Amino acid sequence: MHDILLQVEHLITKVSDAIWPVFLPFILVVGAIMAVRSIVIIQKKATEPAKLNIKNVIGPASISLGAMIGTGAIIGVLGALSKLSANGQANIEAMAIWALIGSLIMLPVSYSETLNSKIMGKTPKEYIGDLINPKLGILYAVCFVALAVFGFGGFQFSGIDSVAATILNNKFGIELSLVQRYLFIVIPVILVVGALVLSKKHELFMGAMTYMIGTAVAGYFIFFTIFVVKTYDYIPTFFQGMIEGMKNPVNAMMGVPLGFILGMQKVIQTAETGLGALAMAAQESDSKPREAAMISLIPTAVTIFVSIVVTSYIASYGVEVGTLALLNTDGTAADTVTRLGGYFNTAEHVVGIFGLVVLSTFTVLSALTTILGSFYYTTKLFKNNSANKNIAIYLVLIISAGTLAVFGANVVFEAVDLLLFVLSGINVSALAIFTFKHWEVYKLSNKKEKIVA
């Protein structure tokens, strides 16, 4: 079984490595053109000015933030930094600056995605089906659920598993085997999530998401502020590493810097830019198109900062002082538990026990909200299914994700990168078609004519 997983992982990695250098220019160029047309032309002629209403901010923003800011904000980025280091990049900080550069384009894409979705009054599955092909809309829905429940869910299980294993090992000297970690850490989480979903009262949990994720993020920001204050003398070194890494990049296929590819993957993965998640969350509120678009920027900006800047800085400092190892002694990428253990050691080394408590709380709360948030997307994308059928699909994927998180985590990580390409490619293409060919149907002048008639 282990050999089969390795073969699958190797195949997915090869396909992903070949696709992303070609896909990145496409998503950046098409996304930028779509965003410019949406903001400069369509927003002006198809929407009315709107102000942010606080009651409309809380719901969509908390759903989006809760579903976005899972353990991928730490584990996914650490994995990318480890991969970058294993490929010969001495200045891992370069990934952060590449990601921030890419996010300058992807943030307007997030805004435009939500804006256009609200103008059409349709979810991504619906407008992809109408603008391109209904079968492609179904493919999008299947891939999104696979990504959200299996892929992102796998990240969350891996995070909870790694946190528990790390604390038990570092604080109590208890080292669990893979089977023990699965039985005593992952299975209980699956049972809790399953019980919530089967009771059909998971919405009560989702209602508490606002407070849970807000508390987790606030604590994380406080922790990072203390961390930066205590390591202020390292800030110039961090920025110097960014510059050196950009000047001396390790290139992937077609000469595209590997740091840029990994950085953009993490931006799309963590902030879900271009995937359609923001558009789905926006449909749940009565907000106007411009207001909904502005709201979508809040969770996107917070997530990019937490995942890219915070994690990169702490990891960079940990590598510098020797509390974090991204590589094994043979130069290969370290596993998830090793990386996360080093990250926690770095936090505790600088901030003390407060850092350990905050990181543990952040990981568990963000993981649970993301896991249950993925069920929200399942019900929205397959709303024609019976509730029991959606629950069955969700539980099968969650159990698979939890199992592979322990016994074959890298398969989950590689599958995520491949699904990101499929989803963002389909969704951004549909939005580009709308901005060039179909948006005029929604012009304000047309609406006024219908009212007069």
Protein backbone atom coordinates (compact mmCIF):
# COMPACT_ATOMS: atom_id res chain seq x y z
CA MET A 1 0.00 0.00 0.00
CA HIS A 2 2.82 2.37 0.89
CA ASP A 3 4.51 1.72 -2.47
CA ILE A 4 1.25 2.44 -4.31
CA LEU A 5 0.89 5.77 -2.47
CA LEU A 6 4.47 6.69 -3.39
CA GLN A 7 3.80 5.90 -7.06
CA VAL A 8 0.60 7.96 -7.05
CA GLU A 9 2.38 10.82 -5.31
CA HIS A 10 5.23 10.69 -7.83
CA LEU A 11 2.81 10.74 -10.77
CA ILE A 12 0.78 13.66 -9.37
CA THR A 13 3.99 15.57 -8.62
CA LYS A 14 5.29 15.13 -12.18
CA VAL A 15 2.00 16.30 -13.69
CA SER A 16 1.78 19.26 -11.28
CA ASP A 17 5.40 20.29 -11.86
CA ALA A 18 4.82 20.28 -15.63
CA ILE A 19 1.54 22.20 -15.52
CA TRP A 20 2.20 25.05 -13.08
CA PRO A 21 4.99 26.86 -15.01
CA VAL A 22 2.60 27.03 -17.98
CA PHE A 23 -0.49 27.78 -15.90
CA LEU A 24 0.95 30.66 -13.86
CA PRO A 25 1.39 33.10 -16.79
CA PHE A 26 -2.15 32.20 -17.91
CA ILE A 27 -3.79 32.82 -14.53
CA LEU A 28 -1.85 36.03 -13.96
CA VAL A 29 -2.51 37.52 -17.41
CA VAL A 30 -6.14 36.40 -17.76
CA GLY A 31 -6.84 37.21 -14.11
CA ALA A 32 -5.34 40.69 -14.46
CA ILE A 33 -7.30 41.47 -17.64
CA MET A 34 -10.52 40.15 -16.11
CA ALA A 35 -9.96 42.19 -12.95
CA VAL A 36 -9.19 45.41 -14.82
CA ARG A 37 -12.30 45.10 -17.01
CA SER A 38 -14.44 44.25 -13.97
CA ILE A 39 -13.22 47.13 -11.83
CA VAL A 40 -12.84 49.84 -14.51
CA ILE A 41 -15.78 49.07 -16.81
CA ILE A 42 -18.29 46.59 -15.43
CA GLN A 43 -18.38 47.89 -11.86
CA LYS A 44 -19.17 51.38 -13.12
CA LYS A 45 -21.88 50.39 -15.60
CA ALA A 46 -23.51 47.38 -13.93
CA THR A 47 -23.49 48.22 -10.22
CA GLU A 48 -24.45 51.05 -7.94
CA PRO A 49 -22.20 52.63 -5.27
CA ALA A 50 -22.44 50.84 -1.93
CA LYS A 51 -21.09 51.24 1.59
CA LEU A 52 -19.98 48.51 3.94
CA ASN A 53 -22.76 47.42 6.27
CA ILE A 54 -21.37 45.71 9.36
CA LYS A 55 -24.21 43.17 9.52
CA ASN A 56 -23.34 42.04 6.00
CA VAL A 57 -19.62 41.81 6.80
CA ILE A 58 -19.78 39.33 9.68
CA GLY A 59 -21.52 36.41 7.95
CA PRO A 60 -19.66 36.09 4.63
CA ALA A 61 -16.32 37.24 6.07
CA SER A 62 -16.46 34.74 8.93
CA ILE A 63 -17.53 31.88 6.64
CA SER A 64 -14.74 32.71 4.19
CA LEU A 65 -12.10 33.30 6.87
CA GLY A 66 -13.11 30.21 8.80
CA ALA A 67 -12.93 28.04 5.71
CA MET A 68 -9.71 29.67 4.45
CA ILE A 69 -7.39 30.08 7.36
CA GLY A 70 -6.84 26.49 8.34
CA THR A 71 -3.59 24.75 9.19
CA GLY A 72 -2.49 25.17 5.58
CA ALA A 73 -1.53 28.69 6.66
CA ILE A 74 1.28 27.08 8.64
CA ILE A 75 1.74 23.50 7.43
CA GLY A 76 1.23 24.22 3.73
CA VAL A 77 3.66 27.13 3.76
CA LEU A 78 6.23 25.18 5.79
CA GLY A 79 5.95 22.39 3.23
CA ALA A 80 6.56 24.83 0.38
CA LEU A 81 9.56 26.36 2.17
CA SER A 82 10.93 22.86 2.77
CA LYS A 83 10.49 21.97 -0.91
CA LEU A 84 12.17 25.22 -1.94
CA SER A 85 15.11 24.56 0.38
CA ALA A 86 15.44 20.95 -0.83
CA ASN A 87 15.74 22.27 -4.40
CA GLY A 88 18.75 24.38 -3.48
CA GLN A 89 17.33 27.78 -2.52
CA ALA A 90 19.42 29.03 0.39
CA ASN A 91 17.23 32.11 0.88
CA ILE A 92 13.80 30.64 1.57
CA GLU A 93 12.51 34.14 2.41
CA ALA A 94 12.27 34.75 -1.35
CA MET A 95 9.01 32.80 -1.46
CA ALA A 96 7.34 35.42 0.72
CA ILE A 97 8.19 38.30 -1.61
CA TRP A 98 7.21 36.30 -4.70
CA ALA A 99 3.89 35.47 -3.05
CA LEU A 100 3.25 39.09 -2.10
CA ILE A 101 4.02 40.22 -5.66
CA GLY A 102 1.59 37.63 -7.02
CA SER A 103 -1.06 38.63 -4.50
CA LEU A 104 -1.06 42.21 -5.91
CA ILE A 105 -2.74 40.67 -8.95
CA MET A 106 -4.71 37.99 -7.15
CA LEU A 107 -6.37 40.36 -4.65
CA PRO A 108 -8.13 42.25 -7.49
CA VAL A 109 -9.12 38.82 -8.86
CA SER A 110 -10.79 38.05 -5.51
CA TYR A 111 -12.63 41.37 -5.66
CA SER A 112 -13.73 40.82 -9.27
CA GLU A 113 -14.76 37.21 -8.70
CA THR A 114 -17.19 38.25 -5.98
CA LEU A 115 -18.35 41.35 -7.85
CA ASN A 116 -19.23 39.45 -11.03
CA SER A 117 -20.84 36.57 -9.15
CA LYS A 118 -23.15 38.99 -7.31
CA ILE A 119 -23.96 40.83 -10.54
CA MET A 120 -25.01 37.53 -12.14
CA GLY A 121 -26.66 36.32 -8.91
CA LYS A 122 -25.17 32.88 -9.49
CA THR A 123 -22.72 30.55 -7.79
CA PRO A 124 -19.59 29.47 -9.74
CA LYS A 125 -21.12 26.09 -10.61
CA GLU A 126 -24.14 27.88 -12.10
CA TYR A 127 -22.33 30.55 -14.11
CA ILE A 128 -19.68 28.10 -15.36
CA GLY A 129 -22.51 25.84 -16.58
CA ASP A 130 -24.30 28.76 -18.27
CA LEU A 131 -21.25 30.50 -19.76
CA ILE A 132 -19.26 27.45 -20.89
CA ASN A 133 -20.93 24.06 -20.45
CA PRO A 134 -23.16 22.43 -17.79
CA LYS A 135 -20.86 19.39 -17.64
CA LEU A 136 -17.92 21.68 -16.85
CA GLY A 137 -19.98 23.19 -14.05
CA ILE A 138 -20.48 19.71 -12.60
CA LEU A 139 -16.75 18.95 -13.01
CA TYR A 140 -16.01 22.19 -11.15
CA ALA A 141 -18.35 21.20 -8.30
CA VAL A 142 -16.83 17.71 -7.99
CA CYS A 143 -13.26 19.07 -8.01
CA PHE A 144 -14.14 21.80 -5.51
CA VAL A 145 -15.64 19.35 -3.03
CA ALA A 146 -12.63 17.05 -3.50
CA LEU A 147 -10.30 19.98 -2.83
CA ALA A 148 -12.24 21.44 0.11
CA VAL A 149 -13.12 18.21 1.91
CA PHE A 150 -10.33 15.82 0.91
CA GLY A 151 -7.46 18.21 0.14
CA PHE A 152 -7.94 21.03 2.64
CA GLY A 153 -9.47 18.58 5.11
CA GLY A 154 -6.30 16.51 4.84
CA PHE A 155 -4.25 19.57 5.76
CA GLN A 156 -6.39 20.11 8.85
CA PHE A 157 -6.13 16.51 10.06
CA SER A 158 -2.41 16.62 9.42
CA GLY A 159 -2.21 19.80 11.49
CA ILE A 160 -4.15 18.48 14.47
CA ASP A 161 -2.22 15.20 14.32
CA SER A 162 1.14 16.97 14.14
CA VAL A 163 0.32 19.40 16.96
CA ALA A 164 -0.80 16.63 19.30
CA ALA A 165 2.16 14.40 18.41
CA THR A 166 4.60 17.30 18.83
CA ILE A 167 3.29 18.36 22.25
CA LEU A 168 3.15 14.78 23.55
CA ASN A 169 6.72 14.18 22.38
CA ASN A 170 8.28 17.49 23.44
CA LYS A 171 6.46 18.01 26.73
CA PHE A 172 5.76 14.52 27.98
CA GLY A 173 8.32 12.39 26.19
CA ILE A 174 5.57 10.26 24.61
CA GLU A 175 6.29 9.23 21.05
CA LEU A 176 3.29 7.75 19.26
CA SER A 177 3.50 5.38 16.32
CA LEU A 178 1.57 6.17 13.12
CA VAL A 179 -1.16 3.72 14.10
CA GLN A 180 -1.46 5.22 17.59
CA ARG A 181 -1.65 8.74 16.16
CA TYR A 182 -4.42 7.58 13.84
CA LEU A 183 -6.39 5.80 16.57
CA PHE A 184 -6.01 8.35 19.39
CA ILE A 185 -5.84 11.67 17.51
CA VAL A 186 -7.40 11.47 14.06
CA ILE A 187 -10.24 9.02 14.73
CA PRO A 188 -11.64 11.10 17.67
CA VAL A 189 -11.66 14.21 15.46
CA ILE A 190 -13.47 12.29 12.70
CA LEU A 191 -16.02 11.07 15.26
CA VAL A 192 -16.66 14.59 16.57
CA VAL A 193 -17.06 16.02 13.06
CA GLY A 194 -19.21 13.07 12.01
CA ALA A 195 -21.46 13.46 15.05
CA LEU A 196 -21.98 17.18 14.32
CA VAL A 197 -22.83 16.55 10.69
CA LEU A 198 -25.07 13.53 11.34
CA SER A 199 -26.98 15.46 14.00
CA LYS A 200 -27.64 18.06 11.28
CA LYS A 201 -26.84 20.74 13.83
CA HIS A 202 -23.47 21.62 12.39
CA GLU A 203 -24.85 25.08 11.61
CA LEU A 204 -24.76 25.81 15.35
CA PHE A 205 -21.05 25.16 15.21
CA MET A 206 -20.74 27.28 12.08
CA GLY A 207 -22.57 30.05 13.91
CA ALA A 208 -19.88 30.01 16.57
CA MET A 209 -17.23 30.23 13.85
CA THR A 210 -17.25 34.03 14.02
CA TYR A 211 -16.03 33.99 17.61
CA MET A 212 -13.77 30.96 17.27
CA ILE A 213 -11.80 32.07 14.25
CA GLY A 214 -11.79 35.68 15.43
CA THR A 215 -10.27 34.63 18.76
CA ALA A 216 -7.72 32.39 17.03
CA VAL A 217 -6.58 35.07 14.58
CA ALA A 218 -6.46 37.80 17.25
CA GLY A 219 -4.31 35.59 19.48
CA TYR A 220 -2.06 34.74 16.55
CA PHE A 221 -1.53 38.43 15.73
CA ILE A 222 -0.69 39.21 19.36
CA PHE A 223 1.77 36.32 19.42
CA PHE A 224 3.42 37.47 16.16
CA THR A 225 3.67 41.07 17.38
CA ILE A 226 5.52 39.88 20.49
CA PHE A 227 7.69 37.60 18.33
CA VAL A 228 8.69 40.49 16.02
CA VAL A 229 9.41 42.84 18.93
CA LYS A 230 11.71 40.24 20.52
CA THR A 231 13.48 39.50 17.25
CA TYR A 232 13.56 43.02 15.78
CA ASP A 233 17.27 42.75 15.07
CA TYR A 234 16.57 39.88 12.66
CA ILE A 235 14.19 41.92 10.45
CA PRO A 236 17.00 43.37 8.22
CA THR A 237 18.37 39.84 7.73
CA PHE A 238 14.93 38.61 6.69
CA PHE A 239 14.52 41.35 4.07
CA GLN A 240 18.05 40.82 2.84
CA GLY A 241 17.24 37.13 2.39
CA MET A 242 14.20 38.11 0.30
CA ILE A 243 16.34 40.27 -2.00
CA GLU A 244 19.13 37.70 -2.33
CA GLY A 245 16.61 34.96 -3.07
CA MET A 246 15.03 37.04 -5.84
CA LYS A 247 18.44 37.86 -7.34
CA ASN A 248 19.51 34.22 -7.30
CA PRO A 249 16.37 32.16 -7.94
CA VAL A 250 16.21 28.41 -8.36
CA ASN A 251 14.30 27.96 -11.62
CA ALA A 252 11.73 25.32 -12.48
CA MET A 253 10.52 24.44 -15.99
CA MET A 254 10.58 27.21 -18.61
CA GLY A 255 12.84 29.27 -16.36
CA VAL A 256 10.02 30.27 -13.98
CA PRO A 257 11.45 30.78 -10.46
CA LEU A 258 10.43 27.90 -8.20
CA GLY A 259 9.84 30.35 -5.33
CA PHE A 260 7.30 32.18 -7.49
CA ILE A 261 5.46 28.93 -8.35
CA LEU A 262 5.36 27.78 -4.73
CA GLY A 263 4.40 31.24 -3.49
CA MET A 264 1.50 31.53 -5.95
CA GLN A 265 0.32 28.02 -5.11
CA LYS A 266 0.14 29.02 -1.45
CA VAL A 267 -1.65 32.30 -2.23
CA ILE A 268 -4.31 30.47 -4.24
CA GLN A 269 -4.45 27.62 -1.72
CA THR A 270 -4.72 29.64 1.48
CA ALA A 271 -6.64 32.70 0.25
CA GLU A 272 -8.69 30.62 -2.24
CA THR A 273 -8.28 33.38 -4.82
CA GLY A 274 -9.94 32.53 -8.11
CA LEU A 275 -11.39 29.26 -6.81
CA GLY A 276 -14.97 30.50 -6.39
CA ALA A 277 -15.19 30.08 -2.62
CA LEU A 278 -15.54 33.83 -2.04
CA ALA A 279 -18.32 34.01 -4.61
CA MET A 280 -20.24 31.19 -2.90
CA ALA A 281 -19.94 32.82 0.52
CA ALA A 282 -21.11 36.15 -0.93
CA GLN A 283 -24.35 34.61 -2.19
CA GLU A 284 -25.38 34.03 1.43
CA SER A 285 -25.81 37.74 2.18
CA ASP A 286 -28.07 40.51 0.94
CA SER A 287 -25.11 42.76 0.20
CA LYS A 288 -24.84 44.69 -3.05
CA PRO A 289 -22.15 43.64 -5.59
CA ARG A 290 -19.63 46.34 -4.66
CA GLU A 291 -20.18 45.80 -0.95
CA ALA A 292 -19.78 42.04 -1.30
CA ALA A 293 -16.58 42.53 -3.30
CA MET A 294 -15.13 44.80 -0.61
CA ILE A 295 -16.08 42.28 2.09
CA SER A 296 -14.27 39.50 0.21
CA LEU A 297 -10.97 41.38 0.48
CA ILE A 298 -11.01 41.20 4.30
CA PRO A 299 -10.52 37.43 4.74
CA THR A 300 -8.27 37.30 1.66
CA ALA A 301 -5.86 39.97 2.93
CA VAL A 302 -5.82 38.54 6.48
CA THR A 303 -5.16 35.03 5.22
CA ILE A 304 -2.34 36.05 2.88
CA PHE A 305 -0.63 37.98 5.67
CA VAL A 306 -0.99 35.20 8.25
CA SER A 307 0.03 32.41 5.92
CA ILE A 308 2.79 34.00 3.88
CA VAL A 309 4.40 36.77 5.92
CA VAL A 310 4.00 35.42 9.46
CA THR A 311 4.90 31.80 8.73
CA SER A 312 7.84 32.73 6.49
CA TYR A 313 9.33 35.11 9.04
CA ILE A 314 9.06 32.68 11.97
CA ALA A 315 10.39 29.79 9.86
CA SER A 316 13.28 31.89 8.58
CA TYR A 317 14.24 32.88 12.12
CA GLY A 318 13.94 29.29 13.31
CA VAL A 319 16.29 28.05 10.59
CA GLU A 320 18.76 30.83 11.45
CA VAL A 321 18.92 30.00 15.17
CA GLY A 322 18.68 26.23 14.70
CA THR A 323 15.28 25.58 16.31
CA LEU A 324 13.68 24.55 12.99
CA ALA A 325 14.96 22.12 10.36
CA LEU A 326 13.29 22.16 6.95
CA LEU A 327 15.58 19.41 5.64
CA ASN A 328 16.69 15.99 6.80
CA THR A 329 20.39 15.24 7.19
CA ASP A 330 20.43 13.76 3.64
CA GLY A 331 19.12 17.00 2.14
CA THR A 332 15.57 15.79 1.51
CA ALA A 333 12.51 17.69 2.73
CA ALA A 334 11.63 17.01 6.38
CA ASP A 335 8.25 15.48 7.20
CA THR A 336 5.25 17.42 8.51
CA VAL A 337 5.69 16.53 12.19
CA THR A 338 9.38 17.50 12.12
CA ARG A 339 8.68 20.83 10.45
CA LEU A 340 5.77 21.72 12.71
CA GLY A 341 7.70 20.61 15.79
CA GLY A 342 10.50 22.98 14.83
CA TYR A 343 8.01 25.78 14.21
CA PHE A 344 6.53 25.30 17.68
CA ASN A 345 10.03 25.12 19.21
CA THR A 346 10.86 28.44 17.55
CA ALA A 347 7.70 30.05 18.92
CA GLU A 348 8.40 28.77 22.43
CA HIS A 349 12.09 29.71 22.18
CA VAL A 350 11.18 33.36 21.55
CA VAL A 351 7.81 33.93 23.23
CA GLY A 352 7.72 31.15 25.82
CA ILE A 353 4.76 28.97 26.75
CA PHE A 354 2.34 31.66 25.48
CA GLY A 355 3.56 31.01 21.93
CA LEU A 356 2.98 27.28 22.29
CA VAL A 357 -0.55 27.78 23.67
CA VAL A 358 -1.52 30.29 20.96
CA LEU A 359 -0.19 28.14 18.12
CA SER A 360 -1.93 25.04 19.47
CA THR A 361 -5.22 26.91 19.89
CA PHE A 362 -4.94 28.51 16.45
CA THR A 363 -4.20 25.18 14.79
CA VAL A 364 -7.07 23.28 16.41
CA LEU A 365 -9.73 26.01 16.04
CA SER A 366 -8.80 26.91 12.47
CA ALA A 367 -8.64 23.24 11.53
CA LEU A 368 -12.12 22.47 12.92
CA THR A 369 -13.71 25.51 11.26
CA THR A 370 -12.11 24.61 7.93
CA ILE A 371 -13.22 20.97 8.13
CA LEU A 372 -16.83 21.95 8.87
CA GLY A 373 -16.64 24.85 6.43
CA SER A 374 -15.98 22.32 3.68
CA PHE A 375 -19.34 20.68 4.47
CA TYR A 376 -20.98 24.07 3.92
CA TYR A 377 -19.53 24.15 0.40
CA THR A 378 -20.63 20.55 -0.23
CA THR A 379 -24.25 21.39 0.57
CA LYS A 380 -24.18 24.53 -1.57
CA LEU A 381 -22.62 22.89 -4.63
CA PHE A 382 -24.84 19.81 -4.47
CA LYS A 383 -28.01 21.38 -3.13
CA ASN A 384 -30.12 19.12 -5.38
CA ASN A 385 -28.83 16.07 -3.50
CA SER A 386 -30.65 14.84 -0.42
CA ALA A 387 -29.12 15.86 2.90
CA ASN A 388 -28.21 12.24 3.66
CA LYS A 389 -26.44 11.80 0.32
CA ASN A 390 -24.33 14.92 0.89
CA ILE A 391 -23.49 13.72 4.41
CA ALA A 392 -22.42 10.32 3.04
CA ILE A 393 -20.16 11.91 0.38
CA TYR A 394 -18.67 14.25 2.96
CA LEU A 395 -17.97 11.51 5.52
CA VAL A 396 -16.29 9.24 2.95
CA LEU A 397 -13.98 12.09 1.87
CA ILE A 398 -13.27 13.16 5.45
CA ILE A 399 -12.36 9.64 6.55
CA SER A 400 -10.11 9.28 3.49
CA ALA A 401 -8.47 12.63 4.20
CA GLY A 402 -7.89 11.78 7.87
CA THR A 403 -6.40 8.40 7.00
CA LEU A 404 -4.03 9.75 4.36
CA ALA A 405 -3.07 12.68 6.61
CA VAL A 406 -1.28 10.15 8.82
CA PHE A 407 -0.24 7.41 6.43
CA GLY A 408 0.31 9.30 3.17
CA ALA A 409 0.19 13.04 3.78
CA ASN A 410 2.28 13.99 0.74
CA VAL A 411 -0.35 12.50 -1.60
CA VAL A 412 -2.88 14.94 -0.13
CA PHE A 413 -0.50 17.89 -0.53
CA GLU A 414 0.32 17.08 -4.15
CA ALA A 415 -3.36 16.46 -4.98
CA VAL A 416 -4.19 19.92 -3.62
CA ASP A 417 -1.73 21.61 -6.00
CA LEU A 418 -3.25 19.75 -8.98
CA LEU A 419 -6.85 20.54 -8.00
CA LEU A 420 -5.96 24.22 -7.52
CA PHE A 421 -4.92 24.34 -11.18
CA VAL A 422 -8.15 22.72 -12.39
CA LEU A 423 -10.50 24.88 -10.31
CA SER A 424 -8.87 28.27 -10.76
CA GLY A 425 -8.38 27.59 -14.49
CA ILE A 426 -12.08 26.79 -15.03
CA ASN A 427 -13.42 29.56 -12.77
CA VAL A 428 -11.20 32.40 -14.02
CA SER A 429 -11.84 31.38 -17.65
CA ALA A 430 -15.60 31.58 -17.08
CA LEU A 431 -15.29 34.99 -15.42
CA ALA A 432 -13.11 36.23 -18.29
CA ILE A 433 -15.78 35.10 -20.79
CA PHE A 434 -18.40 36.99 -18.76
CA THR A 435 -16.36 40.22 -18.70
CA PHE A 436 -15.82 40.13 -22.48
CA LYS A 437 -19.11 38.78 -23.85
CA HIS A 438 -22.03 38.69 -21.43
CA TRP A 439 -21.80 41.49 -18.87
CA GLU A 440 -23.76 44.06 -20.90
CA VAL A 441 -26.99 42.15 -20.21
CA TYR A 442 -26.62 43.34 -16.61
CA LYS A 443 -26.00 47.05 -17.40
CA LEU A 444 -27.92 49.44 -15.17
CA SER A 445 -29.42 51.11 -18.25
CA ASN A 446 -31.02 47.77 -19.24
CA LYS A 447 -32.53 47.40 -15.79
CA LYS A 448 -33.96 50.93 -15.92
CA GLU A 449 -35.49 50.24 -19.34
CA LYS A 450 -37.21 47.11 -17.98
CA ILE A 451 -38.61 49.07 -15.02
CA VAL A 452 -39.98 51.81 -17.31
CA ALA A 453 -41.49 49.23 -19.67
